[in-house]
Amino acid sequence: APAEPSDTSHSCTQRAGKHDVLREAQETIKEQEEELAFLSSKVEELCVSLANAQEEAAHYQSEAERVQKEGEELYTSYVTKSNKVTQLLAQHAQLTSALTERDARLAQQARDAE
């Protein structure tokens, strides 16, 4: 028995509906693939940025350690020189006092000799 016209149109509608669903699925897959490619690209950019930031951080840390060491060496040198200046000032004060005493004795001896 031949198919009823309504059966044929219903079958065509079903096929068209399946075709639409298939097309939508393919479009969705394509969109998802594009999104995945975009996100993969962003992940790669972020990985490069992270690697660069890690290199900069390592360089910064190395430079900070160098500056810290240099500062410690300068401070040690300053303390050593400061202690030497303090010592020399004390010696200067002693010598100045000794000279003042000697000059006073010599002046007294000169007065006594008159």
PDB file of N, CA and C in Angstrom:
ATOM      1  N   ALA A   1       0.842  -1.175   0.000  1.00  0.00           N
ATOM      2  CA  ALA A   1       0.000   0.000   0.000  1.00  0.00           C
ATOM      3  C   ALA A   1       0.877   1.224   0.000  1.00  0.00           C
ATOM      4  N   PRO A   2       0.556   2.180  -0.856  1.00  0.00           N
ATOM      5  CA  PRO A   2       1.363   3.400  -0.901  1.00  0.00           C
ATOM      6  C   PRO A   2       1.179   4.209   0.371  1.00  0.00           C
ATOM      7  N   ALA A   3       2.245   4.940   0.699  1.00  0.00           N
ATOM      8  CA  ALA A   3       2.231   5.747   1.927  1.00  0.00           C
ATOM      9  C   ALA A   3       1.262   6.886   1.776  1.00  0.00           C
ATOM     10  N   GLU A   4       0.644   7.206   2.827  1.00  0.00           N
ATOM     11  CA  GLU A   4      -0.276   8.330   2.848  1.00  0.00           C
ATOM     12  C   GLU A   4       0.532   9.615   2.701  1.00  0.00           C
ATOM     13  N   PRO A   5      -0.040  10.626   2.064  1.00  0.00           N
ATOM     14  CA  PRO A   5       0.683  11.889   1.904  1.00  0.00           C
ATOM     15  C   PRO A   5       1.101  12.482   3.230  1.00  0.00           C
ATOM     16  N   SER A   6       0.304  12.310   4.254  1.00  0.00           N
ATOM     17  CA  SER A   6       0.674  12.887   5.539  1.00  0.00           C
ATOM     18  C   SER A   6       1.865  12.152   6.129  1.00  0.00           C
ATOM     19  N   ASP A   7       1.994  10.834   5.860  1.00  0.00           N
ATOM     20  CA  ASP A   7       3.136  10.075   6.349  1.00  0.00           C
ATOM     21  C   ASP A   7       4.411  10.566   5.688  1.00  0.00           C
ATOM     22  N   THR A   8       4.369  10.839   4.411  1.00  0.00           N
ATOM     23  CA  THR A   8       5.542  11.294   3.666  1.00  0.00           C
ATOM     24  C   THR A   8       5.971  12.668   4.157  1.00  0.00           C
ATOM     25  N   SER A   9       5.030  13.558   4.326  1.00  0.00           N
ATOM     26  CA  SER A   9       5.394  14.899   4.797  1.00  0.00           C
ATOM     27  C   SER A   9       5.925  14.827   6.222  1.00  0.00           C
ATOM     28  N   HIS A  10       5.339  13.913   7.024  1.00  0.00           N
ATOM     29  CA  HIS A  10       5.831  13.749   8.396  1.00  0.00           C
ATOM     30  C   HIS A  10       7.259  13.212   8.383  1.00  0.00           C
ATOM     31  N   SER A  11       7.553  12.261   7.498  1.00  0.00           N
ATOM     32  CA  SER A  11       8.881  11.670   7.368  1.00  0.00           C
ATOM     33  C   SER A  11       9.882  12.729   6.904  1.00  0.00           C
ATOM     34  N   CYS A  12       9.471  13.574   5.956  1.00  0.00           N
ATOM     35  CA  CYS A  12      10.352  14.653   5.475  1.00  0.00           C
ATOM     36  C   CYS A  12      10.614  15.656   6.584  1.00  0.00           C
ATOM     37  N   THR A  13       9.592  15.946   7.336  1.00  0.00           N
ATOM     38  CA  THR A  13       9.742  16.883   8.445  1.00  0.00           C
ATOM     39  C   THR A  13      10.699  16.316   9.485  1.00  0.00           C
ATOM     40  N   GLN A  14      10.592  15.005   9.730  1.00  0.00           N
ATOM     41  CA  GLN A  14      11.499  14.371  10.693  1.00  0.00           C
ATOM     42  C   GLN A  14      12.936  14.447  10.193  1.00  0.00           C
ATOM     43  N   ARG A  15      13.120  14.141   8.872  1.00  0.00           N
ATOM     44  CA  ARG A  15      14.470  14.203   8.307  1.00  0.00           C
ATOM     45  C   ARG A  15      15.014  15.622   8.359  1.00  0.00           C
ATOM     46  N   ALA A  16      14.171  16.586   8.047  1.00  0.00           N
ATOM     47  CA  ALA A  16      14.591  17.988   8.094  1.00  0.00           C
ATOM     48  C   ALA A  16      14.924  18.370   9.527  1.00  0.00           C
ATOM     49  N   GLY A  17      14.126  17.887  10.460  1.00  0.00           N
ATOM     50  CA  GLY A  17      14.391  18.166  11.872  1.00  0.00           C
ATOM     51  C   GLY A  17      15.700  17.549  12.314  1.00  0.00           C
ATOM     52  N   LYS A  18      15.969  16.313  11.888  1.00  0.00           N
ATOM     53  CA  LYS A  18      17.238  15.648  12.224  1.00  0.00           C
ATOM     54  C   LYS A  18      18.399  16.404  11.587  1.00  0.00           C
ATOM     55  N   HIS A  19      18.172  16.853  10.346  1.00  0.00           N
ATOM     56  CA  HIS A  19      19.213  17.611   9.640  1.00  0.00           C
ATOM     57  C   HIS A  19      19.526  18.907  10.394  1.00  0.00           C
ATOM     58  N   ASP A  20      18.481  19.576  10.877  1.00  0.00           N
ATOM     59  CA  ASP A  20      18.664  20.816  11.654  1.00  0.00           C
ATOM     60  C   ASP A  20      19.427  20.528  12.953  1.00  0.00           C
ATOM     61  N   VAL A  21      19.055  19.437  13.618  1.00  0.00           N
ATOM     62  CA  VAL A  21      19.735  19.069  14.863  1.00  0.00           C
ATOM     63  C   VAL A  21      21.199  18.773  14.584  1.00  0.00           C
ATOM     64  N   LEU A  22      21.458  18.034  13.491  1.00  0.00           N
ATOM     65  CA  LEU A  22      22.831  17.708  13.111  1.00  0.00           C
ATOM     66  C   LEU A  22      23.616  18.974  12.801  1.00  0.00           C
ATOM     67  N   ARG A  23      23.011  19.896  12.056  1.00  0.00           N
ATOM     68  CA  ARG A  23      23.675  21.157  11.716  1.00  0.00           C
ATOM     69  C   ARG A  23      23.973  21.959  12.988  1.00  0.00           C
ATOM     70  N   GLU A  24      23.004  22.018  13.880  1.00  0.00           N
ATOM     71  CA  GLU A  24      23.206  22.730  15.152  1.00  0.00           C
ATOM     72  C   GLU A  24      24.335  22.106  15.959  1.00  0.00           C
ATOM     73  N   ALA A  25      24.355  20.778  15.977  1.00  0.00           N
ATOM     74  CA  ALA A  25      25.414  20.073  16.712  1.00  0.00           C
ATOM     75  C   ALA A  25      26.775  20.390  16.096  1.00  0.00           C
ATOM     76  N   GLN A  26      26.845  20.386  14.762  1.00  0.00           N
ATOM     77  CA  GLN A  26      28.106  20.698  14.085  1.00  0.00           C
ATOM     78  C   GLN A  26      28.536  22.136  14.372  1.00  0.00           C
ATOM     79  N   GLU A  27      27.578  23.058  14.375  1.00  0.00           N
ATOM     80  CA  GLU A  27      27.893  24.457  14.688  1.00  0.00           C
ATOM     81  C   GLU A  27      28.379  24.589  16.132  1.00  0.00           C
ATOM     82  N   THR A  28      27.712  23.868  17.012  1.00  0.00           N
ATOM     83  CA  THR A  28      28.119  23.905  18.418  1.00  0.00           C
ATOM     84  C   THR A  28      29.528  23.342  18.574  1.00  0.00           C
ATOM     85  N   ILE A  29      29.806  22.235  17.889  1.00  0.00           N
ATOM     86  CA  ILE A  29      31.153  21.646  17.933  1.00  0.00           C
ATOM     87  C   ILE A  29      32.176  22.633  17.393  1.00  0.00           C
ATOM     88  N   LYS A  30      31.853  23.279  16.274  1.00  0.00           N
ATOM     89  CA  LYS A  30      32.771  24.264  15.682  1.00  0.00           C
ATOM     90  C   LYS A  30      33.019  25.413  16.660  1.00  0.00           C
ATOM     91  N   GLU A  31      31.943  25.910  17.289  1.00  0.00           N
ATOM     92  CA  GLU A  31      32.088  26.995  18.273  1.00  0.00           C
ATOM     93  C   GLU A  31      32.954  26.556  19.450  1.00  0.00           C
ATOM     94  N   GLN A  32      32.711  25.319  19.890  1.00  0.00           N
ATOM     95  CA  GLN A  32      33.495  24.798  21.012  1.00  0.00           C
ATOM     96  C   GLN A  32      34.969  24.636  20.631  1.00  0.00           C
ATOM     97  N   GLU A  33      35.229  24.188  19.406  1.00  0.00           N
ATOM     98  CA  GLU A  33      36.607  24.047  18.928  1.00  0.00           C
ATOM     99  C   GLU A  33      37.288  25.417  18.845  1.00  0.00           C
ATOM    100  N   GLU A  34      36.542  26.431  18.357  1.00  0.00           N
ATOM    101  CA  GLU A  34      37.091  27.792  18.290  1.00  0.00           C
ATOM    102  C   GLU A  34      37.378  28.320  19.693  1.00  0.00           C
ATOM    103  N   GLU A  35      36.452  28.069  20.615  1.00  0.00           N
ATOM    104  CA  GLU A  35      36.636  28.493  22.003  1.00  0.00           C
ATOM    105  C   GLU A  35      37.846  27.788  22.610  1.00  0.00           C
ATOM    106  N   LEU A  36      37.981  26.490  22.323  1.00  0.00           N
ATOM    107  CA  LEU A  36      39.116  25.720  22.823  1.00  0.00           C
ATOM    108  C   LEU A  36      40.427  26.275  22.259  1.00  0.00           C
ATOM    109  N   ALA A  37      40.443  26.589  20.973  1.00  0.00           N
ATOM    110  CA  ALA A  37      41.644  27.158  20.353  1.00  0.00           C
ATOM    111  C   ALA A  37      41.990  28.497  20.998  1.00  0.00           C
ATOM    112  N   PHE A  38      40.958  29.329  21.221  1.00  0.00           N
ATOM    113  CA  PHE A  38      41.165  30.635  21.858  1.00  0.00           C
ATOM    114  C   PHE A  38      41.731  30.457  23.268  1.00  0.00           C
ATOM    115  N   LEU A  39      41.103  29.561  24.039  1.00  0.00           N
ATOM    116  CA  LEU A  39      41.553  29.331  25.414  1.00  0.00           C
ATOM    117  C   LEU A  39      42.951  28.720  25.447  1.00  0.00           C
ATOM    118  N   SER A  40      43.238  27.832  24.512  1.00  0.00           N
ATOM    119  CA  SER A  40      44.581  27.242  24.427  1.00  0.00           C
ATOM    120  C   SER A  40      45.614  28.324  24.146  1.00  0.00           C
ATOM    121  N   SER A  41      45.250  29.253  23.269  1.00  0.00           N
ATOM    122  CA  SER A  41      46.130  30.377  22.956  1.00  0.00           C
ATOM    123  C   SER A  41      46.367  31.237  24.199  1.00  0.00           C
ATOM    124  N   LYS A  42      45.295  31.489  24.948  1.00  0.00           N
ATOM    125  CA  LYS A  42      45.416  32.287  26.179  1.00  0.00           C
ATOM    126  C   LYS A  42      46.268  31.558  27.211  1.00  0.00           C
ATOM    127  N   VAL A  43      46.081  30.249  27.329  1.00  0.00           N
ATOM    128  CA  VAL A  43      46.890  29.464  28.275  1.00  0.00           C
ATOM    129  C   VAL A  43      48.362  29.566  27.885  1.00  0.00           C
ATOM    130  N   GLU A  44      48.650  29.462  26.603  1.00  0.00           N
ATOM    131  CA  GLU A  44      50.038  29.575  26.136  1.00  0.00           C
ATOM    132  C   GLU A  44      50.606  30.959  26.470  1.00  0.00           C
ATOM    133  N   GLU A  45      49.819  32.000  26.234  1.00  0.00           N
ATOM    134  CA  GLU A  45      50.264  33.365  26.567  1.00  0.00           C
ATOM    135  C   GLU A  45      50.539  33.485  28.066  1.00  0.00           C
ATOM    136  N   LEU A  46      49.635  32.932  28.866  1.00  0.00           N
ATOM    137  CA  LEU A  46      49.819  32.997  30.319  1.00  0.00           C
ATOM    138  C   LEU A  46      51.044  32.213  30.774  1.00  0.00           C
ATOM    139  N   CYS A  47      51.303  31.078  30.138  1.00  0.00           N
ATOM    140  CA  CYS A  47      52.492  30.287  30.471  1.00  0.00           C
ATOM    141  C   CYS A  47      53.764  31.075  30.152  1.00  0.00           C
ATOM    142  N   VAL A  48      53.762  31.748  29.006  1.00  0.00           N
ATOM    143  CA  VAL A  48      54.914  32.575  28.633  1.00  0.00           C
ATOM    144  C   VAL A  48      55.079  33.722  29.634  1.00  0.00           C
ATOM    145  N   SER A  49      53.956  34.362  29.976  1.00  0.00           N
ATOM    146  CA  SER A  49      54.011  35.454  30.951  1.00  0.00           C
ATOM    147  C   SER A  49      54.509  34.960  32.295  1.00  0.00           C
ATOM    148  N   LEU A  50      54.044  33.791  32.705  1.00  0.00           N
ATOM    149  CA  LEU A  50      54.485  33.214  33.977  1.00  0.00           C
ATOM    150  C   LEU A  50      55.979  32.910  33.942  1.00  0.00           C
ATOM    151  N   ALA A  51      56.453  32.329  32.858  1.00  0.00           N
ATOM    152  CA  ALA A  51      57.877  32.014  32.729  1.00  0.00           C
ATOM    153  C   ALA A  51      58.699  33.307  32.798  1.00  0.00           C
ATOM    154  N   ASN A  52      58.234  34.346  32.116  1.00  0.00           N
ATOM    155  CA  ASN A  52      58.936  35.633  32.149  1.00  0.00           C
ATOM    156  C   ASN A  52      58.934  36.212  33.566  1.00  0.00           C
ATOM    157  N   ALA A  53      57.797  36.126  34.231  1.00  0.00           N
ATOM    158  CA  ALA A  53      57.697  36.645  35.597  1.00  0.00           C
ATOM    159  C   ALA A  53      58.616  35.870  36.540  1.00  0.00           C
ATOM    160  N   GLN A  54      58.704  34.558  36.349  1.00  0.00           N
ATOM    161  CA  GLN A  54      59.596  33.757  37.187  1.00  0.00           C
ATOM    162  C   GLN A  54      61.053  34.137  36.946  1.00  0.00           C
ATOM    163  N   GLU A  55      61.421  34.368  35.692  1.00  0.00           N
ATOM    164  CA  GLU A  55      62.790  34.799  35.377  1.00  0.00           C
ATOM    165  C   GLU A  55      63.075  36.159  36.006  1.00  0.00           C
ATOM    166  N   GLU A  56      62.125  37.078  35.893  1.00  0.00           N
ATOM    167  CA  GLU A  56      62.297  38.401  36.494  1.00  0.00           C
ATOM    168  C   GLU A  56      62.413  38.298  38.008  1.00  0.00           C
ATOM    169  N   ALA A  57      61.597  37.442  38.612  1.00  0.00           N
ATOM    170  CA  ALA A  57      61.638  37.265  40.066  1.00  0.00           C
ATOM    171  C   ALA A  57      62.988  36.687  40.497  1.00  0.00           C
ATOM    172  N   ALA A  58      63.493  35.731  39.741  1.00  0.00           N
ATOM    173  CA  ALA A  58      64.800  35.140  40.062  1.00  0.00           C
ATOM    174  C   ALA A  58      65.899  36.194  39.928  1.00  0.00           C
ATOM    175  N   HIS A  59      65.820  37.002  38.875  1.00  0.00           N
ATOM    176  CA  HIS A  59      66.808  38.071  38.680  1.00  0.00           C
ATOM    177  C   HIS A  59      66.705  39.088  39.818  1.00  0.00           C
ATOM    178  N   TYR A  60      65.471  39.464  40.171  1.00  0.00           N
ATOM    179  CA  TYR A  60      65.247  40.415  41.259  1.00  0.00           C
ATOM    180  C   TYR A  60      65.815  39.858  42.564  1.00  0.00           C
ATOM    181  N   GLN A  61      65.553  38.584  42.832  1.00  0.00           N
ATOM    182  CA  GLN A  61      66.046  37.954  44.062  1.00  0.00           C
ATOM    183  C   GLN A  61      67.571  37.959  44.085  1.00  0.00           C
ATOM    184  N   SER A  62      68.172  37.608  42.966  1.00  0.00           N
ATOM    185  CA  SER A  62      69.632  37.592  42.858  1.00  0.00           C
ATOM    186  C   SER A  62      70.196  38.998  43.080  1.00  0.00           C
ATOM    187  N   GLU A  63      69.563  39.973  42.462  1.00  0.00           N
ATOM    188  CA  GLU A  63      70.015  41.363  42.606  1.00  0.00           C
ATOM    189  C   GLU A  63      69.815  41.848  44.042  1.00  0.00           C
ATOM    190  N   ALA A  64      68.706  41.474  44.661  1.00  0.00           N
ATOM    191  CA  ALA A  64      68.443  41.860  46.054  1.00  0.00           C
ATOM    192  C   ALA A  64      69.493  41.257  46.984  1.00  0.00           C
ATOM    193  N   GLU A  65      69.864  40.005  46.735  1.00  0.00           N
ATOM    194  CA  GLU A  65      70.898  39.357  47.552  1.00  0.00           C
ATOM    195  C   GLU A  65      72.244  40.048  47.368  1.00  0.00           C
ATOM    196  N   ARG A  66      72.560  40.430  46.120  1.00  0.00           N
ATOM    197  CA  ARG A  66      73.824  41.119  45.846  1.00  0.00           C
ATOM    198  C   ARG A  66      73.865  42.466  46.570  1.00  0.00           C
ATOM    199  N   VAL A  67      72.755  43.211  46.492  1.00  0.00           N
ATOM    200  CA  VAL A  67      72.679  44.513  47.144  1.00  0.00           C
ATOM    201  C   VAL A  67      72.759  44.350  48.667  1.00  0.00           C
ATOM    202  N   GLN A  68      72.089  43.326  49.185  1.00  0.00           N
ATOM    203  CA  GLN A  68      72.137  43.058  50.629  1.00  0.00           C
ATOM    204  C   GLN A  68      73.574  42.769  51.061  1.00  0.00           C
ATOM    205  N   LYS A  69      74.276  41.932  50.317  1.00  0.00           N
ATOM    206  CA  LYS A  69      75.668  41.583  50.647  1.00  0.00           C
ATOM    207  C   LYS A  69      76.551  42.825  50.571  1.00  0.00           C
ATOM    208  N   GLU A  70      76.359  43.608  49.517  1.00  0.00           N
ATOM    209  CA  GLU A  70      77.148  44.834  49.357  1.00  0.00           C
ATOM    210  C   GLU A  70      76.874  45.793  50.520  1.00  0.00           C
ATOM    211  N   GLY A  71      75.614  45.904  50.915  1.00  0.00           N
ATOM    212  CA  GLY A  71      75.256  46.760  52.046  1.00  0.00           C
ATOM    213  C   GLY A  71      75.910  46.288  53.337  1.00  0.00           C
ATOM    214  N   GLU A  72      75.912  44.980  53.545  1.00  0.00           N
ATOM    215  CA  GLU A  72      76.549  44.432  54.745  1.00  0.00           C
ATOM    216  C   GLU A  72      78.051  44.718  54.740  1.00  0.00           C
ATOM    217  N   GLU A  73      78.686  44.566  53.571  1.00  0.00           N
ATOM    218  CA  GLU A  73      80.121  44.849  53.457  1.00  0.00           C
ATOM    219  C   GLU A  73      80.401  46.330  53.711  1.00  0.00           C
ATOM    220  N   LEU A  74      79.555  47.208  53.155  1.00  0.00           N
ATOM    221  CA  LEU A  74      79.731  48.644  53.383  1.00  0.00           C
ATOM    222  C   LEU A  74      79.542  48.990  54.857  1.00  0.00           C
ATOM    223  N   TYR A  75      78.560  48.372  55.503  1.00  0.00           N
ATOM    224  CA  TYR A  75      78.331  48.633  56.923  1.00  0.00           C
ATOM    225  C   TYR A  75      79.532  48.170  57.754  1.00  0.00           C
ATOM    226  N   THR A  76      80.048  46.983  57.456  1.00  0.00           N
ATOM    227  CA  THR A  76      81.216  46.473  58.182  1.00  0.00           C
ATOM    228  C   THR A  76      82.401  47.414  57.997  1.00  0.00           C
ATOM    229  N   SER A  77      82.606  47.875  56.776  1.00  0.00           N
ATOM    230  CA  SER A  77      83.690  48.819  56.499  1.00  0.00           C
ATOM    231  C   SER A  77      83.473  50.117  57.264  1.00  0.00           C
ATOM    232  N   TYR A  78      82.238  50.605  57.284  1.00  0.00           N
ATOM    233  CA  TYR A  78      81.911  51.835  58.010  1.00  0.00           C
ATOM    234  C   TYR A  78      82.214  51.677  59.503  1.00  0.00           C
ATOM    235  N   VAL A  79      81.777  50.560  60.087  1.00  0.00           N
ATOM    236  CA  VAL A  79      82.005  50.332  61.514  1.00  0.00           C
ATOM    237  C   VAL A  79      83.497  50.279  61.805  1.00  0.00           C
ATOM    238  N   THR A  80      84.261  49.578  60.967  1.00  0.00           N
ATOM    239  CA  THR A  80      85.714  49.475  61.152  1.00  0.00           C
ATOM    240  C   THR A  80      86.355  50.858  61.094  1.00  0.00           C
ATOM    241  N   LYS A  81      86.007  51.629  60.074  1.00  0.00           N
ATOM    242  CA  LYS A  81      86.585  52.973  59.927  1.00  0.00           C
ATOM    243  C   LYS A  81      86.119  53.895  61.050  1.00  0.00           C
ATOM    244  N   SER A  82      84.862  53.778  61.445  1.00  0.00           N
ATOM    245  CA  SER A  82      84.340  54.594  62.534  1.00  0.00           C
ATOM    246  C   SER A  82      85.077  54.285  63.835  1.00  0.00           C
ATOM    247  N   ASN A  83      85.317  53.008  64.095  1.00  0.00           N
ATOM    248  CA  ASN A  83      86.078  52.619  65.292  1.00  0.00           C
ATOM    249  C   ASN A  83      87.505  53.161  65.229  1.00  0.00           C
ATOM    250  N   LYS A  84      88.099  53.130  64.051  1.00  0.00           N
ATOM    251  CA  LYS A  84      89.464  53.651  63.879  1.00  0.00           C
ATOM    252  C   LYS A  84      89.480  55.159  64.136  1.00  0.00           C
ATOM    253  N   VAL A  85      88.485  55.888  63.614  1.00  0.00           N
ATOM    254  CA  VAL A  85      88.400  57.335  63.841  1.00  0.00           C
ATOM    255  C   VAL A  85      88.238  57.620  65.334  1.00  0.00           C
ATOM    256  N   THR A  86      87.388  56.850  65.999  1.00  0.00           N
ATOM    257  CA  THR A  86      87.188  57.028  67.443  1.00  0.00           C
ATOM    258  C   THR A  86      88.498  56.797  68.188  1.00  0.00           C
ATOM    259  N   GLN A  87      89.206  55.760  67.803  1.00  0.00           N
ATOM    260  CA  GLN A  87      90.505  55.448  68.419  1.00  0.00           C
ATOM    261  C   GLN A  87      91.506  56.583  68.174  1.00  0.00           C
ATOM    262  N   LEU A  88      91.569  57.080  66.931  1.00  0.00           N
ATOM    263  CA  LEU A  88      92.501  58.160  66.600  1.00  0.00           C
ATOM    264  C   LEU A  88      92.130  59.453  67.340  1.00  0.00           C
ATOM    265  N   LEU A  89      90.830  59.719  67.491  1.00  0.00           N
ATOM    266  CA  LEU A  89      90.406  60.908  68.246  1.00  0.00           C
ATOM    267  C   LEU A  89      90.828  60.800  69.712  1.00  0.00           C
ATOM    268  N   ALA A  90      90.705  59.600  70.261  1.00  0.00           N
ATOM    269  CA  ALA A  90      91.138  59.394  71.653  1.00  0.00           C
ATOM    270  C   ALA A  90      92.642  59.593  71.767  1.00  0.00           C
ATOM    271  N   GLN A  91      93.410  59.050  70.833  1.00  0.00           N
ATOM    272  CA  GLN A  91      94.871  59.235  70.840  1.00  0.00           C
ATOM    273  C   GLN A  91      95.220  60.714  70.684  1.00  0.00           C
ATOM    274  N   HIS A  92      94.504  61.391  69.805  1.00  0.00           N
ATOM    275  CA  HIS A  92      94.738  62.819  69.587  1.00  0.00           C
ATOM    276  C   HIS A  92      94.485  63.591  70.883  1.00  0.00           C
ATOM    277  N   ALA A  93      93.397  63.250  71.553  1.00  0.00           N
ATOM    278  CA  ALA A  93      93.075  63.930  72.811  1.00  0.00           C
ATOM    279  C   ALA A  93      94.165  63.673  73.852  1.00  0.00           C
ATOM    280  N   GLN A  94      94.662  62.436  73.926  1.00  0.00           N
ATOM    281  CA  GLN A  94      95.737  62.110  74.877  1.00  0.00           C
ATOM    282  C   GLN A  94      97.007  62.896  74.545  1.00  0.00           C
ATOM    283  N   LEU A  95      97.358  62.908  73.262  1.00  0.00           N
ATOM    284  CA  LEU A  95      98.577  63.620  72.856  1.00  0.00           C
ATOM    285  C   LEU A  95      98.445  65.126  73.086  1.00  0.00           C
ATOM    286  N   THR A  96      97.264  65.671  72.781  1.00  0.00           N
ATOM    287  CA  THR A  96      97.026  67.095  73.006  1.00  0.00           C
ATOM    288  C   THR A  96      97.144  67.414  74.493  1.00  0.00           C
ATOM    289  N   SER A  97      96.573  66.568  75.322  1.00  0.00           N
ATOM    290  CA  SER A  97      96.664  66.761  76.772  1.00  0.00           C
ATOM    291  C   SER A  97      98.115  66.668  77.238  1.00  0.00           C
ATOM    292  N   ALA A  98      98.852  65.668  76.728  1.00  0.00           N
ATOM    293  CA  ALA A  98     100.270  65.504  77.108  1.00  0.00           C
ATOM    294  C   ALA A  98     101.084  66.719  76.669  1.00  0.00           C
ATOM    295  N   LEU A  99     100.799  67.231  75.453  1.00  0.00           N
ATOM    296  CA  LEU A  99     101.528  68.415  74.975  1.00  0.00           C
ATOM    297  C   LEU A  99     101.191  69.638  75.832  1.00  0.00           C
ATOM    298  N   THR A 100      99.931  69.782  76.192  1.00  0.00           N
ATOM    299  CA  THR A 100      99.521  70.908  77.032  1.00  0.00           C
ATOM    300  C   THR A 100     100.227  70.838  78.376  1.00  0.00           C
ATOM    301  N   GLU A 101     100.281  69.639  78.963  1.00  0.00           N
ATOM    302  CA  GLU A 101     100.983  69.459  80.239  1.00  0.00           C
ATOM    303  C   GLU A 101     102.473  69.769  80.081  1.00  0.00           C
ATOM    304  N   ARG A 102     103.094  69.277  79.012  1.00  0.00           N
ATOM    305  CA  ARG A 102     104.516  69.527  78.767  1.00  0.00           C
ATOM    306  C   ARG A 102     104.772  71.026  78.596  1.00  0.00           C
ATOM    307  N   ASP A 103     103.911  71.683  77.795  1.00  0.00           N
ATOM    308  CA  ASP A 103     104.076  73.121  77.584  1.00  0.00           C
ATOM    309  C   ASP A 103     103.941  73.880  78.909  1.00  0.00           C
ATOM    310  N   ALA A 104     103.024  73.444  79.751  1.00  0.00           N
ATOM    311  CA  ALA A 104     102.840  74.087  81.060  1.00  0.00           C
ATOM    312  C   ALA A 104     104.079  73.867  81.921  1.00  0.00           C
ATOM    313  N   ARG A 105     104.631  72.658  81.915  1.00  0.00           N
ATOM    314  CA  ARG A 105     105.852  72.373  82.686  1.00  0.00           C
ATOM    315  C   ARG A 105     107.022  73.214  82.173  1.00  0.00           C
ATOM    316  N   LEU A 106     107.160  73.286  80.850  1.00  0.00           N
ATOM    317  CA  LEU A 106     108.268  74.061  80.267  1.00  0.00           C
ATOM    318  C   LEU A 106     108.118  75.548  80.615  1.00  0.00           C
ATOM    319  N   ALA A 107     106.879  76.031  80.561  1.00  0.00           N
ATOM    320  CA  ALA A 107     106.648  77.436  80.911  1.00  0.00           C
ATOM    321  C   ALA A 107     106.983  77.662  82.383  1.00  0.00           C
ATOM    322  N   GLN A 108     106.601  76.715  83.218  1.00  0.00           N
ATOM    323  CA  GLN A 108     106.906  76.826  84.635  1.00  0.00           C
ATOM    324  C   GLN A 108     108.424  76.781  84.879  1.00  0.00           C
ATOM    325  N   GLN A 109     109.108  75.885  84.167  1.00  0.00           N
ATOM    326  CA  GLN A 109     110.568  75.778  84.318  1.00  0.00           C
ATOM    327  C   GLN A 109     111.243  77.068  83.860  1.00  0.00           C
ATOM    328  N   ALA A 110     110.691  77.660  82.771  1.00  0.00           N
ATOM    329  CA  ALA A 110     111.265  78.907  82.269  1.00  0.00           C
ATOM    330  C   ALA A 110     111.062  80.021  83.281  1.00  0.00           C
ATOM    331  N   ARG A 111     109.915  80.046  83.954  1.00  0.00           N
ATOM    332  CA  ARG A 111     109.663  81.073  84.968  1.00  0.00           C
ATOM    333  C   ARG A 111     110.562  80.847  86.182  1.00  0.00           C
ATOM    334  N   ASP A 112     110.722  79.564  86.520  1.00  0.00           N
ATOM    335  CA  ASP A 112     111.553  79.213  87.684  1.00  0.00           C
ATOM    336  C   ASP A 112     113.027  79.586  87.410  1.00  0.00           C
ATOM    337  N   ALA A 113     113.425  79.461  86.174  1.00  0.00           N
ATOM    338  CA  ALA A 113     114.824  79.714  85.821  1.00  0.00           C
ATOM    339  C   ALA A 113     115.120  81.210  85.819  1.00  0.00           C
ATOM    340  N   GLU A 114     114.160  82.037  85.745  1.00  0.00           N
ATOM    341  CA  GLU A 114     114.370  83.494  85.698  1.00  0.00           C
ATOM    342  C   GLU A 114     114.796  84.038  86.974  1.00  0.00           C
TER     343      GLU A 114
END
